[in-house]
PDB file of N, CA and C in Angstrom:
ATOM      1  N   MET A   1      90.774 164.070 108.965  1.00  0.00           N
ATOM      2  CA  MET A   1      89.422 163.708 108.585  1.00  0.00           C
ATOM      3  C   MET A   1      88.617 163.459 109.866  1.00  0.00           C
ATOM      4  N   GLU A   2      87.442 164.034 109.941  1.00  0.00           N
ATOM      5  CA  GLU A   2      86.556 163.882 111.103  1.00  0.00           C
ATOM      6  C   GLU A   2      85.896 162.502 111.089  1.00  0.00           C
ATOM      7  N   GLU A   3      85.485 162.041 112.272  1.00  0.00           N
ATOM      8  CA  GLU A   3      84.880 160.714 112.381  1.00  0.00           C
ATOM      9  C   GLU A   3      83.640 160.553 111.512  1.00  0.00           C
ATOM     10  N   ASP A   4      82.793 161.583 111.445  1.00  0.00           N
ATOM     11  CA  ASP A   4      81.588 161.465 110.620  1.00  0.00           C
ATOM     12  C   ASP A   4      81.942 161.362 109.136  1.00  0.00           C
ATOM     13  N   GLU A   5      83.018 162.023 108.720  1.00  0.00           N
ATOM     14  CA  GLU A   5      83.479 161.915 107.334  1.00  0.00           C
ATOM     15  C   GLU A   5      84.001 160.508 107.051  1.00  0.00           C
ATOM     16  N   VAL A   6      84.733 159.955 108.009  1.00  0.00           N
ATOM     17  CA  VAL A   6      85.276 158.607 107.853  1.00  0.00           C
ATOM     18  C   VAL A   6      84.142 157.591 107.784  1.00  0.00           C
ATOM     19  N   THR A   7      83.176 157.712 108.670  1.00  0.00           N
ATOM     20  CA  THR A   7      82.029 156.802 108.669  1.00  0.00           C
ATOM     21  C   THR A   7      81.287 156.875 107.339  1.00  0.00           C
ATOM     22  N   SER A   8      81.072 158.076 106.859  1.00  0.00           N
ATOM     23  CA  SER A   8      80.401 158.269 105.579  1.00  0.00           C
ATOM     24  C   SER A   8      81.204 157.637 104.440  1.00  0.00           C
ATOM     25  N   LYS A   9      82.507 157.830 104.458  1.00  0.00           N
ATOM     26  CA  LYS A   9      83.379 157.275 103.419  1.00  0.00           C
ATOM     27  C   LYS A   9      83.381 155.750 103.483  1.00  0.00           C
ATOM     28  N   LEU A  10      83.441 155.182 104.681  1.00  0.00           N
ATOM     29  CA  LEU A  10      83.416 153.726 104.822  1.00  0.00           C
ATOM     30  C   LEU A  10      82.096 153.143 104.320  1.00  0.00           C
ATOM     31  N   LYS A  11      80.991 153.820 104.594  1.00  0.00           N
ATOM     32  CA  LYS A  11      79.689 153.360 104.099  1.00  0.00           C
ATOM     33  C   LYS A  11      79.646 153.404 102.575  1.00  0.00           C
ATOM     34  N   LYS A  12      80.166 154.484 102.011  1.00  0.00           N
ATOM     35  CA  LYS A  12      80.196 154.624 100.550  1.00  0.00           C
ATOM     36  C   LYS A  12      81.066 153.531  99.929  1.00  0.00           C
ATOM     37  N   LEU A  13      82.235 153.294 100.508  1.00  0.00           N
ATOM     38  CA  LEU A  13      83.122 152.252  99.993  1.00  0.00           C
ATOM     39  C   LEU A  13      82.474 150.877 100.101  1.00  0.00           C
ATOM     40  N   ALA A  14      81.790 150.610 101.210  1.00  0.00           N
ATOM     41  CA  ALA A  14      81.113 149.319 101.384  1.00  0.00           C
ATOM     42  C   ALA A  14      80.064 149.110 100.296  1.00  0.00           C
ATOM     43  N   ARG A  15      79.279 150.141 100.017  1.00  0.00           N
ATOM     44  CA  ARG A  15      78.258 150.043  98.959  1.00  0.00           C
ATOM     45  C   ARG A  15      78.903 149.817  97.598  1.00  0.00           C
ATOM     46  N   LEU A  16      79.958 150.574  97.305  1.00  0.00           N
ATOM     47  CA  LEU A  16      80.644 150.449  96.015  1.00  0.00           C
ATOM     48  C   LEU A  16      81.261 149.063  95.837  1.00  0.00           C
ATOM     49  N   ILE A  17      81.939 148.595  96.853  1.00  0.00           N
ATOM     50  CA  ILE A  17      82.591 147.286  96.764  1.00  0.00           C
ATOM     51  C   ILE A  17      81.552 146.186  96.622  1.00  0.00           C
ATOM     52  N   GLU A  18      80.474 146.261  97.370  1.00  0.00           N
ATOM     53  CA  GLU A  18      79.391 145.276  97.263  1.00  0.00           C
ATOM     54  C   GLU A  18      78.783 145.300  95.856  1.00  0.00           C
ATOM     55  N   TYR A  19      78.568 146.495  95.329  1.00  0.00           N
ATOM     56  CA  TYR A  19      78.030 146.656  93.972  1.00  0.00           C
ATOM     57  C   TYR A  19      78.951 145.980  92.952  1.00  0.00           C
ATOM     58  N   HIS A  20      80.238 146.264  93.047  1.00  0.00           N
ATOM     59  CA  HIS A  20      81.187 145.699  92.086  1.00  0.00           C
ATOM     60  C   HIS A  20      81.401 144.203  92.306  1.00  0.00           C
ATOM     61  N   ASN A  21      81.291 143.732  93.539  1.00  0.00           N
ATOM     62  CA  ASN A  21      81.329 142.285  93.784  1.00  0.00           C
ATOM     63  C   ASN A  21      80.188 141.593  93.059  1.00  0.00           C
ATOM     64  N   ASN A  22      78.991 142.155  93.162  1.00  0.00           N
ATOM     65  CA  ASN A  22      77.834 141.567  92.500  1.00  0.00           C
ATOM     66  C   ASN A  22      78.024 141.535  90.987  1.00  0.00           C
ATOM     67  N   LEU A  23      78.483 142.644  90.421  1.00  0.00           N
ATOM     68  CA  LEU A  23      78.710 142.675  88.973  1.00  0.00           C
ATOM     69  C   LEU A  23      79.732 141.628  88.545  1.00  0.00           C
ATOM     70  N   TYR A  24      80.783 141.486  89.312  1.00  0.00           N
ATOM     71  CA  TYR A  24      81.869 140.572  88.962  1.00  0.00           C
ATOM     72  C   TYR A  24      81.474 139.112  89.189  1.00  0.00           C
ATOM     73  N   TYR A  25      80.985 138.798  90.385  1.00  0.00           N
ATOM     74  CA  TYR A  25      80.727 137.407  90.743  1.00  0.00           C
ATOM     75  C   TYR A  25      79.393 136.872  90.245  1.00  0.00           C
ATOM     76  N   ASN A  26      78.352 137.695  90.220  1.00  0.00           N
ATOM     77  CA  ASN A  26      77.018 137.206  89.874  1.00  0.00           C
ATOM     78  C   ASN A  26      76.574 137.570  88.465  1.00  0.00           C
ATOM     79  N   GLU A  27      76.958 138.736  87.998  1.00  0.00           N
ATOM     80  CA  GLU A  27      76.508 139.181  86.682  1.00  0.00           C
ATOM     81  C   GLU A  27      77.524 138.897  85.581  1.00  0.00           C
ATOM     82  N   ASP A  28      78.751 138.550  85.972  1.00  0.00           N
ATOM     83  CA  ASP A  28      79.839 138.339  85.013  1.00  0.00           C
ATOM     84  C   ASP A  28      79.953 139.539  84.070  1.00  0.00           C
ATOM     85  N   ASN A  29      79.869 140.736  84.671  1.00  0.00           N
ATOM     86  CA  ASN A  29      79.847 141.961  83.881  1.00  0.00           C
ATOM     87  C   ASN A  29      80.512 143.111  84.648  1.00  0.00           C
ATOM     88  N   PRO A  30      81.807 142.992  84.931  1.00  0.00           N
ATOM     89  CA  PRO A  30      82.465 144.053  85.709  1.00  0.00           C
ATOM     90  C   PRO A  30      82.486 145.383  84.969  1.00  0.00           C
ATOM     91  N   GLU A  31      82.365 146.462  85.719  1.00  0.00           N
ATOM     92  CA  GLU A  31      82.395 147.818  85.144  1.00  0.00           C
ATOM     93  C   GLU A  31      83.738 148.509  85.337  1.00  0.00           C
ATOM     94  N   ILE A  32      84.550 148.001  86.265  1.00  0.00           N
ATOM     95  CA  ILE A  32      85.838 148.632  86.537  1.00  0.00           C
ATOM     96  C   ILE A  32      86.945 147.587  86.431  1.00  0.00           C
ATOM     97  N   SER A  33      88.156 148.071  86.269  1.00  0.00           N
ATOM     98  CA  SER A  33      89.304 147.169  86.161  1.00  0.00           C
ATOM     99  C   SER A  33      89.605 146.534  87.518  1.00  0.00           C
ATOM    100  N   ASP A  34      90.357 145.462  87.486  1.00  0.00           N
ATOM    101  CA  ASP A  34      90.784 144.827  88.735  1.00  0.00           C
ATOM    102  C   ASP A  34      91.599 145.802  89.577  1.00  0.00           C
ATOM    103  N   ALA A  35      92.417 146.607  88.922  1.00  0.00           N
ATOM    104  CA  ALA A  35      93.244 147.587  89.648  1.00  0.00           C
ATOM    105  C   ALA A  35      92.367 148.619  90.356  1.00  0.00           C
ATOM    106  N   ASP A  36      91.328 149.101  89.679  1.00  0.00           N
ATOM    107  CA  ASP A  36      90.422 150.073  90.311  1.00  0.00           C
ATOM    108  C   ASP A  36      89.678 149.440  91.488  1.00  0.00           C
ATOM    109  N   TYR A  37      89.264 148.190  91.313  1.00  0.00           N
ATOM    110  CA  TYR A  37      88.595 147.466  92.398  1.00  0.00           C
ATOM    111  C   TYR A  37      89.549 147.306  93.580  1.00  0.00           C
ATOM    112  N   ASP A  38      90.767 146.889  93.288  1.00  0.00           N
ATOM    113  CA  ASP A  38      91.769 146.727  94.353  1.00  0.00           C
ATOM    114  C   ASP A  38      91.994 148.032  95.090  1.00  0.00           C
ATOM    115  N   ASN A  39      92.015 149.139  94.369  1.00  0.00           N
ATOM    116  CA  ASN A  39      92.207 150.448  95.005  1.00  0.00           C
ATOM    117  C   ASN A  39      91.061 150.797  95.951  1.00  0.00           C
ATOM    118  N   LEU A  40      89.838 150.439  95.593  1.00  0.00           N
ATOM    119  CA  LEU A  40      88.704 150.653  96.502  1.00  0.00           C
ATOM    120  C   LEU A  40      88.902 149.856  97.788  1.00  0.00           C
ATOM    121  N   ARG A  41      89.294 148.600  97.635  1.00  0.00           N
ATOM    122  CA  ARG A  41      89.508 147.753  98.817  1.00  0.00           C
ATOM    123  C   ARG A  41      90.668 148.265  99.667  1.00  0.00           C
ATOM    124  N   ILE A  42      91.738 148.688  99.019  1.00  0.00           N
ATOM    125  CA  ILE A  42      92.898 149.211  99.754  1.00  0.00           C
ATOM    126  C   ILE A  42      92.513 150.461 100.531  1.00  0.00           C
ATOM    127  N   GLU A  43      91.757 151.350  99.891  1.00  0.00           N
ATOM    128  CA  GLU A  43      91.307 152.566 100.577  1.00  0.00           C
ATOM    129  C   GLU A  43      90.471 152.206 101.803  1.00  0.00           C
ATOM    130  N   ASN A  44      89.589 151.222 101.637  1.00  0.00           N
ATOM    131  CA  ASN A  44      88.754 150.772 102.753  1.00  0.00           C
ATOM    132  C   ASN A  44      89.615 150.197 103.881  1.00  0.00           C
ATOM    133  N   ILE A  45      90.549 149.355 103.537  1.00  0.00           N
ATOM    134  CA  ILE A  45      91.430 148.725 104.533  1.00  0.00           C
ATOM    135  C   ILE A  45      92.237 149.773 105.281  1.00  0.00           C
ATOM    136  N   GLU A  46      92.782 150.737 104.553  1.00  0.00           N
ATOM    137  CA  GLU A  46      93.601 151.779 105.184  1.00  0.00           C
ATOM    138  C   GLU A  46      92.779 152.626 106.156  1.00  0.00           C
ATOM    139  N   LEU A  47      91.558 152.973 105.768  1.00  0.00           N
ATOM    140  CA  LEU A  47      90.690 153.735 106.673  1.00  0.00           C
ATOM    141  C   LEU A  47      90.360 152.918 107.924  1.00  0.00           C
ATOM    142  N   GLU A  48      90.100 151.630 107.741  1.00  0.00           N
ATOM    143  CA  GLU A  48      89.792 150.778 108.890  1.00  0.00           C
ATOM    144  C   GLU A  48      90.990 150.639 109.826  1.00  0.00           C
ATOM    145  N   LYS A  49      92.184 150.582 109.269  1.00  0.00           N
ATOM    146  CA  LYS A  49      93.390 150.513 110.111  1.00  0.00           C
ATOM    147  C   LYS A  49      93.573 151.800 110.908  1.00  0.00           C
ATOM    148  N   LYS A  50      93.310 152.911 110.254  1.00  0.00           N
ATOM    149  CA  LYS A  50      93.501 154.220 110.882  1.00  0.00           C
ATOM    150  C   LYS A  50      92.409 154.522 111.908  1.00  0.00           C
ATOM    151  N   PHE A  51      91.202 154.002 111.665  1.00  0.00           N
ATOM    152  CA  PHE A  51      90.048 154.259 112.534  1.00  0.00           C
ATOM    153  C   PHE A  51      89.357 152.934 112.894  1.00  0.00           C
ATOM    154  N   PRO A  52      90.016 152.074 113.669  1.00  0.00           N
ATOM    155  CA  PRO A  52      89.453 150.745 113.958  1.00  0.00           C
ATOM    156  C   PRO A  52      88.112 150.779 114.695  1.00  0.00           C
ATOM    157  N   ASP A  53      87.846 151.834 115.430  1.00  0.00           N
ATOM    158  CA  ASP A  53      86.568 151.933 116.144  1.00  0.00           C
ATOM    159  C   ASP A  53      85.399 152.233 115.211  1.00  0.00           C
ATOM    160  N   LEU A  54      85.691 152.575 113.962  1.00  0.00           N
ATOM    161  CA  LEU A  54      84.636 152.939 113.015  1.00  0.00           C
ATOM    162  C   LEU A  54      84.355 151.846 111.982  1.00  0.00           C
ATOM    163  N   VAL A  55      84.994 150.694 112.135  1.00  0.00           N
ATOM    164  CA  VAL A  55      84.780 149.599 111.185  1.00  0.00           C
ATOM    165  C   VAL A  55      83.308 149.197 111.206  1.00  0.00           C
ATOM    166  N   LEU A  56      82.717 149.090 110.034  1.00  0.00           N
ATOM    167  CA  LEU A  56      81.303 148.739 109.901  1.00  0.00           C
ATOM    168  C   LEU A  56      81.082 147.249 110.141  1.00  0.00           C
ATOM    169  N   LEU A  57      79.918 146.906 110.661  1.00  0.00           N
ATOM    170  CA  LEU A  57      79.582 145.497 110.865  1.00  0.00           C
ATOM    171  C   LEU A  57      79.540 144.741 109.544  1.00  0.00           C
ATOM    172  N   ASN A  58      79.126 145.429 108.479  1.00  0.00           N
ATOM    173  CA  ASN A  58      79.034 144.796 107.162  1.00  0.00           C
ATOM    174  C   ASN A  58      80.224 145.157 106.272  1.00  0.00           C
ATOM    175  N   SER A  59      81.356 145.422 106.885  1.00  0.00           N
ATOM    176  CA  SER A  59      82.547 145.818 106.139  1.00  0.00           C
ATOM    177  C   SER A  59      82.920 144.778 105.086  1.00  0.00           C
ATOM    178  N   PRO A  60      83.306 145.236 103.899  1.00  0.00           N
ATOM    179  CA  PRO A  60      83.750 144.305 102.857  1.00  0.00           C
ATOM    180  C   PRO A  60      84.992 143.510 103.266  1.00  0.00           C
ATOM    181  N   THR A  61      85.741 143.997 104.248  1.00  0.00           N
ATOM    182  CA  THR A  61      86.925 143.261 104.689  1.00  0.00           C
ATOM    183  C   THR A  61      86.547 142.021 105.493  1.00  0.00           C
ATOM    184  N   LYS A  62      85.282 141.895 105.836  1.00  0.00           N
ATOM    185  CA  LYS A  62      84.812 140.736 106.595  1.00  0.00           C
ATOM    186  C   LYS A  62      84.138 139.706 105.692  1.00  0.00           C
ATOM    187  N   LYS A  63      84.163 139.944 104.379  1.00  0.00           N
ATOM    188  CA  LYS A  63      83.480 139.075 103.425  1.00  0.00           C
ATOM    189  C   LYS A  63      84.435 138.666 102.310  1.00  0.00           C
ATOM    190  N   VAL A  64      84.079 137.566 101.642  1.00  0.00           N
ATOM    191  CA  VAL A  64      84.799 137.130 100.452  1.00  0.00           C
ATOM    192  C   VAL A  64      83.768 136.949  99.354  1.00  0.00           C
ATOM    193  N   GLY A  65      84.019 137.514  98.183  1.00  0.00           N
ATOM    194  CA  GLY A  65      83.103 137.341  97.067  1.00  0.00           C
ATOM    195  C   GLY A  65      81.820 138.123  97.235  1.00  0.00           C
ATOM    196  N   ALA A  66      80.728 137.522  96.757  1.00  0.00           N
ATOM    197  CA  ALA A  66      79.421 138.176  96.795  1.00  0.00           C
ATOM    198  C   ALA A  66      78.380 137.166  97.254  1.00  0.00           C
ATOM    199  N   GLU A  67      77.155 137.642  97.428  1.00  0.00           N
ATOM    200  CA  GLU A  67      76.061 136.749  97.796  1.00  0.00           C
ATOM    201  C   GLU A  67      75.905 135.688  96.705  1.00  0.00           C
ATOM    202  N   LEU A  68      75.488 134.488  97.105  1.00  0.00           N
ATOM    203  CA  LEU A  68      75.296 133.414  96.138  1.00  0.00           C
ATOM    204  C   LEU A  68      74.106 133.713  95.240  1.00  0.00           C
ATOM    205  N   THR A  69      74.194 133.228  94.022  1.00  0.00           N
ATOM    206  CA  THR A  69      73.103 133.394  93.076  1.00  0.00           C
ATOM    207  C   THR A  69      72.720 132.034  92.517  1.00  0.00           C
ATOM    208  N   SER A  70      71.487 131.901  92.096  1.00  0.00           N
ATOM    209  CA  SER A  70      71.048 130.655  91.464  1.00  0.00           C
ATOM    210  C   SER A  70      71.038 130.803  89.945  1.00  0.00           C
ATOM    211  N   ALA A  71      71.589 131.894  89.430  1.00  0.00           N
ATOM    212  CA  ALA A  71      71.585 132.157  87.996  1.00  0.00           C
ATOM    213  C   ALA A  71      72.462 131.178  87.214  1.00  0.00           C
ATOM    214  N   PHE A  72      73.465 130.626  87.861  1.00  0.00           N
ATOM    215  CA  PHE A  72      74.355 129.698  87.181  1.00  0.00           C
ATOM    216  C   PHE A  72      73.963 128.271  87.543  1.00  0.00           C
ATOM    217  N   LYS A  73      74.022 127.379  86.545  1.00  0.00           N
ATOM    218  CA  LYS A  73      73.679 125.996  86.849  1.00  0.00           C
ATOM    219  C   LYS A  73      74.868 125.308  87.518  1.00  0.00           C
ATOM    220  N   LYS A  74      74.550 124.334  88.352  1.00  0.00           N
ATOM    221  CA  LYS A  74      75.580 123.578  89.056  1.00  0.00           C
ATOM    222  C   LYS A  74      76.206 122.576  88.103  1.00  0.00           C
ATOM    223  N   VAL A  75      77.494 122.342  88.290  1.00  0.00           N
ATOM    224  CA  VAL A  75      78.207 121.367  87.471  1.00  0.00           C
ATOM    225  C   VAL A  75      78.962 120.401  88.373  1.00  0.00           C
ATOM    226  N   GLN A  76      79.177 119.221  87.853  1.00  0.00           N
ATOM    227  CA  GLN A  76      79.978 118.217  88.550  1.00  0.00           C
ATOM    228  C   GLN A  76      81.382 118.289  87.960  1.00  0.00           C
ATOM    229  N   HIS A  77      82.375 118.555  88.782  1.00  0.00           N
ATOM    230  CA  HIS A  77      83.754 118.611  88.309  1.00  0.00           C
ATOM    231  C   HIS A  77      84.273 117.195  88.080  1.00  0.00           C
ATOM    232  N   SER A  78      84.995 116.996  86.977  1.00  0.00           N
ATOM    233  CA  SER A  78      85.564 115.673  86.720  1.00  0.00           C
ATOM    234  C   SER A  78      86.658 115.353  87.730  1.00  0.00           C
ATOM    235  N   VAL A  79      87.342 116.380  88.178  1.00  0.00           N
ATOM    236  CA  VAL A  79      88.331 116.252  89.253  1.00  0.00           C
ATOM    237  C   VAL A  79      87.853 117.158  90.381  1.00  0.00           C
ATOM    238  N   PRO A  80      87.715 116.623  91.597  1.00  0.00           N
ATOM    239  CA  PRO A  80      87.205 117.449  92.703  1.00  0.00           C
ATOM    240  C   PRO A  80      88.008 118.737  92.893  1.00  0.00           C
ATOM    241  N   MET A  81      87.308 119.820  93.160  1.00  0.00           N
ATOM    242  CA  MET A  81      87.943 121.107  93.444  1.00  0.00           C
ATOM    243  C   MET A  81      88.230 121.133  94.942  1.00  0.00           C
ATOM    244  N   LEU A  82      89.460 120.836  95.310  1.00  0.00           N
ATOM    245  CA  LEU A  82      89.829 120.712  96.714  1.00  0.00           C
ATOM    246  C   LEU A  82      90.342 122.034  97.266  1.00  0.00           C
ATOM    247  N   SER A  83      90.212 122.199  98.544  1.00  0.00           N
ATOM    248  CA  SER A  83      90.639 123.423  99.220  1.00  0.00           C
ATOM    249  C   SER A  83      92.152 123.557  99.202  1.00  0.00           C
ATOM    250  N   LEU A  84      92.610 124.792  99.049  1.00  0.00           N
ATOM    251  CA  LEU A  84      94.035 125.091  99.162  1.00  0.00           C
ATOM    252  C   LEU A  84      94.353 125.679 100.524  1.00  0.00           C
ATOM    253  N   GLY A  85      93.372 125.646 101.423  1.00  0.00           N
ATOM    254  CA  GLY A  85      93.524 126.268 102.734  1.00  0.00           C
ATOM    255  C   GLY A  85      94.672 125.726 103.564  1.00  0.00           C
ATOM    256  N   ASN A  86      95.035 124.477 103.345  1.00  0.00           N
ATOM    257  CA  ASN A  86      96.125 123.887 104.122  1.00  0.00           C
ATOM    258  C   ASN A  86      97.371 123.701 103.272  1.00  0.00           C
ATOM    259  N   THR A  87      97.557 124.549 102.294  1.00  0.00           N
ATOM    260  CA  THR A  87      98.700 124.478 101.403  1.00  0.00           C
ATOM    261  C   THR A  87      99.769 125.443 101.882  1.00  0.00           C
ATOM    262  N   PHE A  88     100.962 124.908 102.101  1.00  0.00           N
ATOM    263  CA  PHE A  88     102.035 125.739 102.640  1.00  0.00           C
ATOM    264  C   PHE A  88     103.289 125.753 101.774  1.00  0.00           C
ATOM    265  N   THR A  89     103.419 124.790 100.869  1.00  0.00           N
ATOM    266  CA  THR A  89     104.610 124.726 100.021  1.00  0.00           C
ATOM    267  C   THR A  89     104.202 124.436  98.586  1.00  0.00           C
ATOM    268  N   LYS A  90     105.150 124.614  97.642  1.00  0.00           N
ATOM    269  CA  LYS A  90     104.888 124.280  96.241  1.00  0.00           C
ATOM    270  C   LYS A  90     104.532 122.804  96.094  1.00  0.00           C
ATOM    271  N   ASP A  91     105.209 121.960  96.855  1.00  0.00           N
ATOM    272  CA  ASP A  91     104.954 120.520  96.772  1.00  0.00           C
ATOM    273  C   ASP A  91     103.517 120.170  97.139  1.00  0.00           C
ATOM    274  N   ASP A  92     102.893 120.964  97.986  1.00  0.00           N
ATOM    275  CA  ASP A  92     101.511 120.710  98.389  1.00  0.00           C
ATOM    276  C   ASP A  92     100.533 120.870  97.233  1.00  0.00           C
ATOM    277  N   VAL A  93     100.887 121.656  96.223  1.00  0.00           N
ATOM    278  CA  VAL A  93      99.961 121.900  95.118  1.00  0.00           C
ATOM    279  C   VAL A  93     100.369 121.204  93.831  1.00  0.00           C
ATOM    280  N   GLN A  94     101.516 120.580  93.808  1.00  0.00           N
ATOM    281  CA  GLN A  94     101.957 119.886  92.605  1.00  0.00           C
ATOM    282  C   GLN A  94     101.503 118.443  92.641  1.00  0.00           C
ATOM    283  N   ASP A  95     101.081 117.955  91.484  1.00  0.00           N
ATOM    284  CA  ASP A  95     100.668 116.548  91.361  1.00  0.00           C
ATOM    285  C   ASP A  95     101.863 115.667  91.189  1.00  0.00           C
TER     286      ASP A  95
END
């Protein structure tokens, strides 16, 4: 695959993944299965591994989720939603 083809494919994948992120996270209306979404991300990741010099600045691999929306009202959790970022064992997540 030529570099211009790879760049074009990465741009297309970025647009598609961003589109589906918005549908899933903001619209609560996904159009594709989780497996199909995962396949888009895997294809993007594999191309980026193979052509690291062509990784886009706005690559979906550099983001989590979608842009925030104000469409949903804020709620107060009865139990705080704490980060799992420092969880390393089963005991860390069990009450």
